[in-house]
Amino acid sequence: MASVEVKQVHKVYQRDTQKVAVLDNLSLTIPQGEFVALMGPSGSGKTTLLNLIGGIDQPTSGDVVVAGTNIAKMSGAALAKWRSTTIGYIFQMYNLIPVLNAEQNVELPLMLVKMSGAERKKRAKFALDLVGLGDRTRHYPRQLSGGQEQRVAIARALVTDPKVLLADEPTGDLDRKSADDVLALLTRLNKEFGKTIVMVTHDPHAAERATRTVHLDKGTLS
């Protein structure tokens, strides 16, 4: 069963009077449980493709089917609700809220679903335990290393038990040891928990962790 199906997708942005084609008739199928690395030069459309799969952006034409739902024409509240239960997003810059501790940061996505405070805390603690930070629940981002911050961000992405994890340069801001720890964690989530992962990376070392590497160049797969 396919977890992600991108079918004949075009993405065109309007910049002033100019139309810029970012993705050109792109099709990609990602089976459930696969770990895919997306590589390619800057401007090749990697992050655009990730954002289309995550429902953050929409294609100009074509279909994007994720976990059985065609999200290409969805919008507004329906898309936000779908995203909150289906997609976990991991960014390069962590995007943690400085005034919230690790547990509170991880709880944030659960605010969008009906759940008791006790259940939210329980799930946040489980996610932090999973990423090896069960002893850091009360620590604030400034009290954590970059690698620990990224692991909190991964716990936040996992807390809703999403069907697909999307990672945009998740190790781009980390030293090699911290990067290896994060990559080992993603590998474990894929192998032990069967998570479908799509990771944008410039780093061949990171791409080696994936089960398949896909190269994008000028909006097409090469």
C-alpha atoms as a PDB file:
ATOM      1  CA  MET A   1       0.000   0.000   0.000  1.00  0.00           C
ATOM      2  CA  ALA A   2       1.292   3.446  -0.939  1.00  0.00           C
ATOM      3  CA  SER A   3       1.633   5.945   1.878  1.00  0.00           C
ATOM      4  CA  VAL A   4       2.319   8.846  -0.495  1.00  0.00           C
ATOM      5  CA  GLU A   5       1.346   9.176  -4.157  1.00  0.00           C
ATOM      6  CA  VAL A   6       2.285  12.323  -6.049  1.00  0.00           C
ATOM      7  CA  LYS A   7       0.704  12.190  -9.515  1.00  0.00           C
ATOM      8  CA  GLN A   8       1.669  14.455 -12.433  1.00  0.00           C
ATOM      9  CA  VAL A   9       2.129  17.452 -10.178  1.00  0.00           C
ATOM     10  CA  HIS A  10       2.966  20.899 -11.500  1.00  0.00           C
ATOM     11  CA  LYS A  11       3.767  23.754  -9.123  1.00  0.00           C
ATOM     12  CA  VAL A  12       4.066  27.274 -10.489  1.00  0.00           C
ATOM     13  CA  TYR A  13       4.680  30.395  -8.387  1.00  0.00           C
ATOM     14  CA  GLN A  14       3.835  33.880  -9.578  1.00  0.00           C
ATOM     15  CA  ARG A  15       6.655  36.363  -8.899  1.00  0.00           C
ATOM     16  CA  ASP A  16       5.583  39.838 -10.007  1.00  0.00           C
ATOM     17  CA  THR A  17       4.719  39.326 -13.675  1.00  0.00           C
ATOM     18  CA  GLN A  18       6.823  36.204 -14.018  1.00  0.00           C
ATOM     19  CA  LYS A  19       5.670  32.611 -13.614  1.00  0.00           C
ATOM     20  CA  VAL A  20       8.274  30.317 -12.078  1.00  0.00           C
ATOM     21  CA  ALA A  21       7.784  26.565 -12.529  1.00  0.00           C
ATOM     22  CA  VAL A  22       9.187  24.719  -9.490  1.00  0.00           C
ATOM     23  CA  LEU A  23       7.826  21.196 -10.100  1.00  0.00           C
ATOM     24  CA  ASP A  24       7.214  19.913 -13.622  1.00  0.00           C
ATOM     25  CA  ASN A  25       4.875  16.932 -14.149  1.00  0.00           C
ATOM     26  CA  LEU A  26       6.388  15.141 -11.152  1.00  0.00           C
ATOM     27  CA  SER A  27       5.169  11.697 -10.063  1.00  0.00           C
ATOM     28  CA  LEU A  28       6.450   9.793  -7.037  1.00  0.00           C
ATOM     29  CA  THR A  29       5.128   6.797  -5.098  1.00  0.00           C
ATOM     30  CA  ILE A  30       6.341   6.078  -1.561  1.00  0.00           C
ATOM     31  CA  PRO A  31       5.182   2.751  -0.089  1.00  0.00           C
ATOM     32  CA  GLN A  32       4.071   2.599   3.515  1.00  0.00           C
ATOM     33  CA  GLY A  33       7.013   2.178   5.879  1.00  0.00           C
ATOM     34  CA  GLU A  34       9.670   3.472   3.477  1.00  0.00           C
ATOM     35  CA  PHE A  35      12.368   5.984   4.484  1.00  0.00           C
ATOM     36  CA  VAL A  36      13.068   8.231   1.480  1.00  0.00           C
ATOM     37  CA  ALA A  37      15.830  10.832   1.208  1.00  0.00           C
ATOM     38  CA  LEU A  38      15.145  13.715  -1.193  1.00  0.00           C
ATOM     39  CA  MET A  39      18.352  15.178  -2.577  1.00  0.00           C
ATOM     40  CA  GLY A  40      19.175  17.804  -5.167  1.00  0.00           C
ATOM     41  CA  PRO A  41      20.706  21.255  -5.606  1.00  0.00           C
ATOM     42  CA  SER A  42      19.220  24.359  -3.952  1.00  0.00           C
ATOM     43  CA  GLY A  43      16.160  25.504  -5.859  1.00  0.00           C
ATOM     44  CA  SER A  44      15.434  22.037  -7.266  1.00  0.00           C
ATOM     45  CA  GLY A  45      12.003  21.859  -5.568  1.00  0.00           C
ATOM     46  CA  LYS A  46      12.764  19.568  -2.608  1.00  0.00           C
ATOM     47  CA  THR A  47      11.137  21.666   0.109  1.00  0.00           C
ATOM     48  CA  THR A  48       8.224  22.538  -2.209  1.00  0.00           C
ATOM     49  CA  LEU A  49       7.566  18.821  -2.720  1.00  0.00           C
ATOM     50  CA  LEU A  50       7.775  18.210   1.045  1.00  0.00           C
ATOM     51  CA  ASN A  51       5.302  21.039   1.677  1.00  0.00           C
ATOM     52  CA  LEU A  52       2.880  19.612  -0.894  1.00  0.00           C
ATOM     53  CA  ILE A  53       3.010  16.178   0.786  1.00  0.00           C
ATOM     54  CA  GLY A  54       2.448  17.859   4.169  1.00  0.00           C
ATOM     55  CA  GLY A  55      -0.523  19.922   2.992  1.00  0.00           C
ATOM     56  CA  ILE A  56       1.317  23.181   3.755  1.00  0.00           C
ATOM     57  CA  ASP A  57       1.172  24.127   0.071  1.00  0.00           C
ATOM     58  CA  GLN A  58      -1.039  22.993  -2.815  1.00  0.00           C
ATOM     59  CA  PRO A  59      -0.151  21.949  -6.364  1.00  0.00           C
ATOM     60  CA  THR A  60      -1.027  24.104  -9.368  1.00  0.00           C
ATOM     61  CA  SER A  61      -2.257  20.876 -10.980  1.00  0.00           C
ATOM     62  CA  GLY A  62      -2.051  17.153 -10.297  1.00  0.00           C
ATOM     63  CA  ASP A  63      -2.907  14.985  -7.301  1.00  0.00           C
ATOM     64  CA  VAL A  64      -1.259  14.441  -3.932  1.00  0.00           C
ATOM     65  CA  VAL A  65      -2.632  11.372  -2.120  1.00  0.00           C
ATOM     66  CA  VAL A  66      -1.323  10.840   1.415  1.00  0.00           C
ATOM     67  CA  ALA A  67      -2.532   7.961   3.615  1.00  0.00           C
ATOM     68  CA  GLY A  68      -5.434   7.409   1.225  1.00  0.00           C
ATOM     69  CA  THR A  69      -6.647  11.032   1.107  1.00  0.00           C
ATOM     70  CA  ASN A  70      -6.272  13.289  -1.939  1.00  0.00           C
ATOM     71  CA  ILE A  71      -5.290  16.595  -0.355  1.00  0.00           C
ATOM     72  CA  ALA A  72      -4.659  18.522  -3.587  1.00  0.00           C
ATOM     73  CA  LYS A  73      -8.043  20.257  -3.451  1.00  0.00           C
ATOM     74  CA  MET A  74      -8.529  20.356   0.327  1.00  0.00           C
ATOM     75  CA  SER A  75      -8.266  23.661   2.142  1.00  0.00           C
ATOM     76  CA  GLY A  76      -8.983  25.544   5.342  1.00  0.00           C
ATOM     77  CA  ALA A  77     -10.226  23.743   8.428  1.00  0.00           C
ATOM     78  CA  ALA A  78     -10.518  20.327   6.743  1.00  0.00           C
ATOM     79  CA  LEU A  79      -6.884  20.424   5.650  1.00  0.00           C
ATOM     80  CA  ALA A  80      -5.689  21.665   9.057  1.00  0.00           C
ATOM     81  CA  LYS A  81      -7.555  18.843  10.800  1.00  0.00           C
ATOM     82  CA  TRP A  82      -6.163  16.249   8.375  1.00  0.00           C
ATOM     83  CA  ARG A  83      -2.628  17.583   8.847  1.00  0.00           C
ATOM     84  CA  SER A  84      -2.878  17.516  12.664  1.00  0.00           C
ATOM     85  CA  THR A  85      -3.539  13.761  12.718  1.00  0.00           C
ATOM     86  CA  THR A  86      -1.627  12.534   9.638  1.00  0.00           C
ATOM     87  CA  ILE A  87       1.634  14.507   9.367  1.00  0.00           C
ATOM     88  CA  GLY A  88       4.553  15.043  11.726  1.00  0.00           C
ATOM     89  CA  TYR A  89       6.915  17.817  10.603  1.00  0.00           C
ATOM     90  CA  ILE A  90      10.578  18.169  11.657  1.00  0.00           C
ATOM     91  CA  PHE A  91      12.353  21.399  10.679  1.00  0.00           C
ATOM     92  CA  GLN A  92      16.033  22.306  10.491  1.00  0.00           C
ATOM     93  CA  MET A  93      15.679  25.107  13.058  1.00  0.00           C
ATOM     94  CA  TYR A  94      13.659  23.103  15.666  1.00  0.00           C
ATOM     95  CA  ASN A  95      10.999  25.881  16.032  1.00  0.00           C
ATOM     96  CA  LEU A  96      10.613  25.261  19.777  1.00  0.00           C
ATOM     97  CA  ILE A  97       8.850  27.929  21.852  1.00  0.00           C
ATOM     98  CA  PRO A  98      11.491  29.380  24.245  1.00  0.00           C
ATOM     99  CA  VAL A  99       9.064  30.098  27.128  1.00  0.00           C
ATOM    100  CA  LEU A 100       7.717  26.520  27.164  1.00  0.00           C
ATOM    101  CA  ASN A 101       9.584  23.573  28.630  1.00  0.00           C
ATOM    102  CA  ALA A 102      10.219  20.358  26.672  1.00  0.00           C
ATOM    103  CA  GLU A 103       6.999  18.674  27.806  1.00  0.00           C
ATOM    104  CA  GLN A 104       4.898  21.761  26.987  1.00  0.00           C
ATOM    105  CA  ASN A 105       6.502  22.080  23.536  1.00  0.00           C
ATOM    106  CA  VAL A 106       5.719  18.444  22.787  1.00  0.00           C
ATOM    107  CA  GLU A 107       2.131  18.844  23.999  1.00  0.00           C
ATOM    108  CA  LEU A 108       1.403  21.668  21.551  1.00  0.00           C
ATOM    109  CA  PRO A 109       0.063  19.587  18.615  1.00  0.00           C
ATOM    110  CA  LEU A 110      -2.329  17.814  21.015  1.00  0.00           C
ATOM    111  CA  MET A 111      -4.056  21.140  21.735  1.00  0.00           C
ATOM    112  CA  LEU A 112      -5.723  20.737  18.329  1.00  0.00           C
ATOM    113  CA  VAL A 113      -7.478  17.501  19.307  1.00  0.00           C
ATOM    114  CA  LYS A 114     -10.008  16.780  22.044  1.00  0.00           C
ATOM    115  CA  MET A 115      -8.012  15.311  24.909  1.00  0.00           C
ATOM    116  CA  SER A 116      -7.726  15.715  28.657  1.00  0.00           C
ATOM    117  CA  GLY A 117      -4.721  17.500  30.150  1.00  0.00           C
ATOM    118  CA  ALA A 118      -3.662  14.270  31.874  1.00  0.00           C
ATOM    119  CA  GLU A 119      -3.729  12.331  28.581  1.00  0.00           C
ATOM    120  CA  ARG A 120      -1.725  15.096  26.859  1.00  0.00           C
ATOM    121  CA  LYS A 121       0.961  14.915  29.551  1.00  0.00           C
ATOM    122  CA  LYS A 122       1.052  11.113  29.351  1.00  0.00           C
ATOM    123  CA  ARG A 123       1.542  11.157  25.581  1.00  0.00           C
ATOM    124  CA  ALA A 124       4.142  13.921  25.731  1.00  0.00           C
ATOM    125  CA  LYS A 125       6.112  11.966  28.360  1.00  0.00           C
ATOM    126  CA  PHE A 126       5.936   8.822  26.203  1.00  0.00           C
ATOM    127  CA  ALA A 127       7.223  10.727  23.142  1.00  0.00           C
ATOM    128  CA  LEU A 128      10.081  12.274  25.145  1.00  0.00           C
ATOM    129  CA  ASP A 129      10.989   8.843  26.567  1.00  0.00           C
ATOM    130  CA  LEU A 130      11.034   7.504  23.009  1.00  0.00           C
ATOM    131  CA  VAL A 131      13.609  10.090  21.897  1.00  0.00           C
ATOM    132  CA  GLY A 132      15.721   9.534  25.039  1.00  0.00           C
ATOM    133  CA  LEU A 133      14.775  12.741  26.862  1.00  0.00           C
ATOM    134  CA  GLY A 134      12.407  11.466  29.541  1.00  0.00           C
ATOM    135  CA  ASP A 135      14.650  13.118  32.152  1.00  0.00           C
ATOM    136  CA  ARG A 136      14.465  16.537  30.440  1.00  0.00           C
ATOM    137  CA  THR A 137      10.703  17.200  30.532  1.00  0.00           C
ATOM    138  CA  ARG A 138      11.075  20.357  32.647  1.00  0.00           C
ATOM    139  CA  HIS A 139      14.052  21.780  30.735  1.00  0.00           C
ATOM    140  CA  TYR A 140      13.583  24.844  28.541  1.00  0.00           C
ATOM    141  CA  PRO A 141      15.124  25.062  25.036  1.00  0.00           C
ATOM    142  CA  ARG A 142      17.953  27.337  26.303  1.00  0.00           C
ATOM    143  CA  GLN A 143      18.956  24.564  28.753  1.00  0.00           C
ATOM    144  CA  LEU A 144      19.316  21.963  25.985  1.00  0.00           C
ATOM    145  CA  SER A 145      21.990  21.306  23.361  1.00  0.00           C
ATOM    146  CA  GLY A 146      21.123  21.629  19.670  1.00  0.00           C
ATOM    147  CA  GLY A 147      20.849  17.858  19.332  1.00  0.00           C
ATOM    148  CA  GLN A 148      18.528  17.666  22.347  1.00  0.00           C
ATOM    149  CA  GLU A 149      16.378  20.485  20.958  1.00  0.00           C
ATOM    150  CA  GLN A 150      16.017  18.579  17.690  1.00  0.00           C
ATOM    151  CA  ARG A 151      15.029  15.439  19.598  1.00  0.00           C
ATOM    152  CA  VAL A 152      12.349  17.454  21.436  1.00  0.00           C
ATOM    153  CA  ALA A 153      11.171  18.632  18.003  1.00  0.00           C
ATOM    154  CA  ILE A 154      11.020  14.993  16.839  1.00  0.00           C
ATOM    155  CA  ALA A 155       9.021  14.071  19.967  1.00  0.00           C
ATOM    156  CA  ARG A 156       6.618  16.925  19.119  1.00  0.00           C
ATOM    157  CA  ALA A 157       6.263  15.561  15.560  1.00  0.00           C
ATOM    158  CA  LEU A 158       5.586  12.054  16.931  1.00  0.00           C
ATOM    159  CA  VAL A 159       3.140  12.865  19.712  1.00  0.00           C
ATOM    160  CA  THR A 160       0.029  12.650  17.509  1.00  0.00           C
ATOM    161  CA  ASP A 161       1.198   9.252  16.142  1.00  0.00           C
ATOM    162  CA  PRO A 162       1.248  10.567  12.555  1.00  0.00           C
ATOM    163  CA  LYS A 163       1.196   8.276   9.530  1.00  0.00           C
ATOM    164  CA  VAL A 164       3.965  10.201   7.746  1.00  0.00           C
ATOM    165  CA  LEU A 165       7.010  12.028   9.148  1.00  0.00           C
ATOM    166  CA  LEU A 166       8.431  14.855   7.020  1.00  0.00           C
ATOM    167  CA  ALA A 167      11.922  16.128   7.852  1.00  0.00           C
ATOM    168  CA  ASP A 168      13.401  19.213   6.179  1.00  0.00           C
ATOM    169  CA  GLU A 169      17.206  19.180   6.646  1.00  0.00           C
ATOM    170  CA  PRO A 170      16.807  17.783  10.201  1.00  0.00           C
ATOM    171  CA  THR A 171      20.585  17.583  10.757  1.00  0.00           C
ATOM    172  CA  GLY A 172      21.565  20.737   8.858  1.00  0.00           C
ATOM    173  CA  ASP A 173      22.201  22.777  12.016  1.00  0.00           C
ATOM    174  CA  LEU A 174      23.899  20.057  14.086  1.00  0.00           C
ATOM    175  CA  ASP A 175      27.451  18.843  14.694  1.00  0.00           C
ATOM    176  CA  ARG A 176      28.271  15.364  13.391  1.00  0.00           C
ATOM    177  CA  LYS A 177      27.707  13.507  16.684  1.00  0.00           C
ATOM    178  CA  SER A 178      24.324  15.166  17.307  1.00  0.00           C
ATOM    179  CA  ALA A 179      23.406  14.599  13.647  1.00  0.00           C
ATOM    180  CA  ASP A 180      24.254  10.900  13.946  1.00  0.00           C
ATOM    181  CA  ASP A 181      22.085  10.630  17.078  1.00  0.00           C
ATOM    182  CA  VAL A 182      19.135  12.220  15.270  1.00  0.00           C
ATOM    183  CA  LEU A 183      19.629   9.997  12.197  1.00  0.00           C
ATOM    184  CA  ALA A 184      19.822   6.895  14.409  1.00  0.00           C
ATOM    185  CA  LEU A 185      16.537   7.951  15.989  1.00  0.00           C
ATOM    186  CA  LEU A 186      14.852   8.424  12.597  1.00  0.00           C
ATOM    187  CA  THR A 187      16.156   5.014  11.486  1.00  0.00           C
ATOM    188  CA  ARG A 188      14.700   3.441  14.629  1.00  0.00           C
ATOM    189  CA  LEU A 189      11.319   5.137  14.100  1.00  0.00           C
ATOM    190  CA  ASN A 190      11.288   3.741  10.571  1.00  0.00           C
ATOM    191  CA  LYS A 191      12.449   0.197  11.365  1.00  0.00           C
ATOM    192  CA  GLU A 192      10.851  -0.458  14.754  1.00  0.00           C
ATOM    193  CA  PHE A 193       7.693   1.622  14.474  1.00  0.00           C
ATOM    194  CA  GLY A 194       7.129   1.414  10.715  1.00  0.00           C
ATOM    195  CA  LYS A 195       6.952   5.178  10.236  1.00  0.00           C
ATOM    196  CA  THR A 196       6.997   6.418   6.654  1.00  0.00           C
ATOM    197  CA  ILE A 197       9.670   9.137   6.525  1.00  0.00           C
ATOM    198  CA  VAL A 198      10.452  11.642   3.777  1.00  0.00           C
ATOM    199  CA  MET A 199      13.643  13.588   4.507  1.00  0.00           C
ATOM    200  CA  VAL A 200      15.095  16.487   2.520  1.00  0.00           C
ATOM    201  CA  THR A 201      18.872  16.597   2.904  1.00  0.00           C
ATOM    202  CA  HIS A 202      22.021  17.920   1.243  1.00  0.00           C
ATOM    203  CA  ASP A 203      24.145  15.490   3.247  1.00  0.00           C
ATOM    204  CA  PRO A 204      25.080  12.178   1.541  1.00  0.00           C
ATOM    205  CA  HIS A 205      25.948  10.783   5.002  1.00  0.00           C
ATOM    206  CA  ALA A 206      22.348  11.442   6.137  1.00  0.00           C
ATOM    207  CA  ALA A 207      20.896  10.050   2.902  1.00  0.00           C
ATOM    208  CA  GLU A 208      22.710   6.745   3.523  1.00  0.00           C
ATOM    209  CA  ARG A 209      20.288   6.102   6.418  1.00  0.00           C
ATOM    210  CA  ALA A 210      17.309   6.087   4.062  1.00  0.00           C
ATOM    211  CA  THR A 211      16.025   2.970   2.309  1.00  0.00           C
ATOM    212  CA  ARG A 212      15.862   4.917  -0.978  1.00  0.00           C
ATOM    213  CA  THR A 213      17.311   8.175  -2.280  1.00  0.00           C
ATOM    214  CA  VAL A 214      15.405  10.259  -4.832  1.00  0.00           C
ATOM    215  CA  HIS A 215      17.186  13.040  -6.753  1.00  0.00           C
ATOM    216  CA  LEU A 216      15.364  16.189  -7.815  1.00  0.00           C
ATOM    217  CA  ASP A 217      16.772  18.573 -10.386  1.00  0.00           C
ATOM    218  CA  LYS A 218      14.962  21.580 -11.868  1.00  0.00           C
ATOM    219  CA  GLY A 219      11.587  20.289 -10.717  1.00  0.00           C
ATOM    220  CA  THR A 220      11.873  16.762 -12.133  1.00  0.00           C
ATOM    221  CA  LEU A 221      13.121  13.456 -10.755  1.00  0.00           C
ATOM    222  CA  SER A 222      16.455  12.335 -12.137  1.00  0.00           C
END
